[in-house]
């Protein structure tokens, strides 16, 4: 019965305790499943004495496991690809998701931004700047400015590397 209480607790509240669910389900017996259906409050018996899952709970679980799956997929991706896909998704969702673009632009190093730009171009055959310019209009144009900053930060970095290389070559020729 302790397993049933733990399983009920794992499905309750905000989010799903995936580790507990997997552990219990992996070791459960048919009797445990039947007791869970009787005591969990997630199932209801209809007029035909058929135990069926409460539709609301089904929707909640699907949503929670989808979020878990998405988190695992994002975790497993290369950071550049992850950032590129997050930017593309933010552009598709519209102005309410512009904060994702701003966060990526302001928290990544120049090398990470360059990698995300390369990944974005490789995945979607457009530059981030082009897509931002074509998807964002009106007051949200500030995000386009941020995309331009990404490009300028990268250009400054490339310029500094070129300058350093030329200065080293000049110094060695003296």
Protein backbone atom coordinates (compact mmCIF):
# COMPACT_ATOMS: atom_id res chain seq x y z
CA UNK A 1 0.00 0.00 0.00
CA UNK A 2 2.95 2.35 0.53
CA UNK A 3 3.70 2.06 -3.19
CA UNK A 4 0.16 3.10 -4.05
CA UNK A 5 0.40 6.16 -1.80
CA UNK A 6 3.77 7.05 -3.33
CA UNK A 7 2.33 6.68 -6.84
CA UNK A 8 -0.70 8.83 -6.00
CA UNK A 9 1.64 11.47 -4.58
CA UNK A 10 3.85 11.28 -7.69
CA UNK A 11 0.85 12.06 -9.91
CA UNK A 12 -0.52 14.83 -7.67
CA UNK A 13 0.38 18.49 -7.47
CA UNK A 14 2.43 20.40 -9.98
CA UNK A 15 4.47 18.20 -12.26
CA UNK A 16 5.03 14.48 -12.15
CA UNK A 17 7.71 12.76 -10.09
CA UNK A 18 9.01 10.71 -13.02
CA UNK A 19 11.63 8.81 -11.04
CA UNK A 20 9.06 7.52 -8.55
CA UNK A 21 6.56 6.66 -11.28
CA UNK A 22 9.12 4.69 -13.30
CA UNK A 23 10.41 2.87 -10.24
CA UNK A 24 6.95 1.84 -9.07
CA UNK A 25 5.56 0.96 -12.50
CA UNK A 26 8.63 -1.11 -13.33
CA UNK A 27 8.12 -3.29 -10.25
CA UNK A 28 4.33 -3.34 -10.02
CA UNK A 29 2.10 -6.39 -9.97
CA UNK A 30 -1.47 -6.61 -11.34
CA UNK A 31 -2.82 -6.39 -7.78
CA UNK A 32 -0.98 -3.10 -7.26
CA UNK A 33 -2.49 -1.63 -10.41
CA UNK A 34 -5.98 -2.69 -9.35
CA UNK A 35 -5.50 -1.19 -5.87
CA UNK A 36 -4.19 2.03 -7.45
CA UNK A 37 -7.29 2.28 -9.63
CA UNK A 38 -9.56 1.75 -6.59
CA UNK A 39 -7.78 4.07 -4.14
CA UNK A 40 -6.11 6.69 -6.31
CA UNK A 41 -9.08 8.87 -7.13
CA UNK A 42 -7.90 9.06 -10.72
CA UNK A 43 -10.36 6.43 -11.93
CA UNK A 44 -14.12 6.36 -11.89
CA UNK A 45 -16.45 3.45 -12.37
CA UNK A 46 -19.23 4.09 -14.86
CA UNK A 47 -22.74 2.61 -14.88
CA UNK A 48 -21.38 -0.53 -16.62
CA UNK A 49 -18.90 -1.03 -13.77
CA UNK A 50 -16.04 -0.15 -16.10
CA UNK A 51 -13.07 1.53 -14.45
CA UNK A 52 -12.01 4.44 -16.60
CA UNK A 53 -9.50 7.18 -16.08
CA UNK A 54 -10.84 10.64 -15.35
CA UNK A 55 -10.42 12.60 -18.63
CA UNK A 56 -9.06 15.63 -16.80
CA UNK A 57 -6.27 13.55 -15.26
CA UNK A 58 -5.42 12.04 -18.65
CA UNK A 59 -4.95 15.53 -20.13
CA UNK A 60 -2.84 16.67 -17.18
CA UNK A 61 -0.56 13.65 -17.37
CA UNK A 62 -0.12 13.96 -21.13
CA UNK A 63 0.81 17.61 -20.68
CA UNK A 64 3.28 16.88 -17.86
CA UNK A 65 5.00 14.04 -19.69
CA UNK A 66 5.20 16.12 -22.86
CA UNK A 67 6.99 18.85 -20.89
CA UNK A 68 9.33 16.21 -19.43
CA UNK A 69 10.04 14.81 -22.91
CA UNK A 70 10.73 18.31 -24.27
CA UNK A 71 13.11 19.05 -21.39
CA UNK A 72 15.05 15.83 -22.02
CA UNK A 73 15.27 16.53 -25.76
CA UNK A 74 16.53 20.07 -25.16
CA UNK A 75 19.03 18.81 -22.60
CA UNK A 76 20.42 16.23 -25.03
CA UNK A 77 20.86 18.65 -27.94
CA UNK A 78 24.06 20.47 -28.74
CA UNK A 79 23.75 23.96 -27.18
CA UNK A 80 24.02 25.69 -30.56
CA UNK A 81 21.24 23.61 -32.06
CA UNK A 82 19.14 24.07 -28.93
CA UNK A 83 19.47 27.85 -29.11
CA UNK A 84 18.71 27.87 -32.85
CA UNK A 85 15.56 25.79 -32.37
CA UNK A 86 14.44 27.89 -29.39
CA UNK A 87 14.83 31.08 -31.45
CA UNK A 88 12.87 29.59 -34.35
CA UNK A 89 10.10 28.44 -31.99
CA UNK A 90 9.97 31.87 -30.34
CA UNK A 91 9.59 33.53 -33.74
CA UNK A 92 6.73 31.18 -34.63
CA UNK A 93 4.93 31.82 -31.34
CA UNK A 94 5.01 35.56 -31.79
CA UNK A 95 5.66 38.61 -29.61
CA UNK A 96 4.93 36.89 -26.30
CA UNK A 97 8.03 34.73 -26.83
CA UNK A 98 10.47 37.49 -27.76
CA UNK A 99 12.00 37.23 -24.30
CA UNK A 100 13.58 33.92 -25.39
CA UNK A 101 15.47 35.69 -28.17
CA UNK A 102 16.53 38.49 -25.82
CA UNK A 103 17.72 36.00 -23.20
CA UNK A 104 19.79 34.01 -25.69
CA UNK A 105 21.28 37.18 -27.18
CA UNK A 106 22.24 38.58 -23.81
CA UNK A 107 23.48 35.49 -21.98
CA UNK A 108 25.58 33.72 -24.60
CA UNK A 109 29.21 34.36 -25.37
CA UNK A 110 30.28 35.49 -28.83
CA UNK A 111 31.41 31.96 -29.67
CA UNK A 112 28.07 30.51 -28.54
CA UNK A 113 26.17 33.08 -30.59
CA UNK A 114 28.29 32.34 -33.63
CA UNK A 115 27.58 28.63 -33.16
CA UNK A 116 23.85 29.28 -32.79
CA UNK A 117 23.88 31.37 -35.97
CA UNK A 118 25.65 28.59 -37.87
CA UNK A 119 23.22 26.00 -36.50
CA UNK A 120 20.22 28.19 -37.34
CA UNK A 121 21.40 28.69 -40.90
CA UNK A 122 22.14 24.99 -41.28
CA UNK A 123 18.75 23.93 -39.88
CA UNK A 124 16.48 26.54 -41.46
CA UNK A 125 18.49 27.88 -44.45
CA UNK A 126 17.99 31.49 -43.31
CA UNK A 127 19.93 33.73 -41.00
CA UNK A 128 18.56 34.61 -37.58
CA UNK A 129 18.61 38.26 -38.55
CA UNK A 130 16.53 37.64 -41.71
CA UNK A 131 13.92 35.66 -39.83
CA UNK A 132 13.72 38.16 -36.98
CA UNK A 133 13.30 41.00 -39.49
CA UNK A 134 10.53 39.14 -41.35
CA UNK A 135 8.63 37.91 -38.26
CA UNK A 136 8.73 40.91 -35.95
CA UNK A 137 6.88 44.13 -36.67
CA UNK A 138 5.83 47.29 -34.86
CA UNK A 139 6.94 47.88 -31.28
CA UNK A 140 8.62 44.48 -31.24
CA UNK A 141 11.25 45.73 -33.72
CA UNK A 142 13.52 46.11 -30.69
CA UNK A 143 14.11 42.38 -30.91
CA UNK A 144 15.39 42.94 -34.45
CA UNK A 145 17.84 45.39 -32.93
CA UNK A 146 18.99 42.64 -30.58
CA UNK A 147 19.46 40.26 -33.49
CA UNK A 148 21.54 42.98 -35.15
CA UNK A 149 23.56 43.26 -31.94
CA UNK A 150 24.26 39.55 -32.15
CA UNK A 151 25.63 40.06 -35.63
CA UNK A 152 27.67 43.11 -34.61
CA UNK A 153 29.09 41.36 -31.53
CA UNK A 154 30.21 38.56 -33.81
CA UNK A 155 31.68 40.97 -36.35
CA UNK A 156 33.56 42.82 -33.61
CA UNK A 157 34.93 39.50 -32.37
CA UNK A 158 36.05 38.53 -35.89
CA UNK A 159 37.57 41.99 -36.40
CA UNK A 160 39.47 41.74 -33.11
CA UNK A 161 40.81 38.30 -34.06
CA UNK A 162 41.93 39.61 -37.46
CA UNK A 163 43.52 42.68 -35.87
CA UNK A 164 45.36 40.53 -33.32
CA UNK A 165 46.61 38.23 -36.08
CA UNK A 166 47.86 41.18 -38.16
CA UNK A 167 49.54 42.80 -35.16
CA UNK A 168 51.30 39.55 -34.34
CA UNK A 169 52.47 39.22 -37.93
CA UNK A 170 53.65 42.84 -37.93
CA UNK A 171 55.46 42.43 -34.60
CA UNK A 172 57.24 39.30 -35.77
CA UNK A 173 58.47 41.03 -38.93
CA UNK A 174 60.38 43.70 -36.93
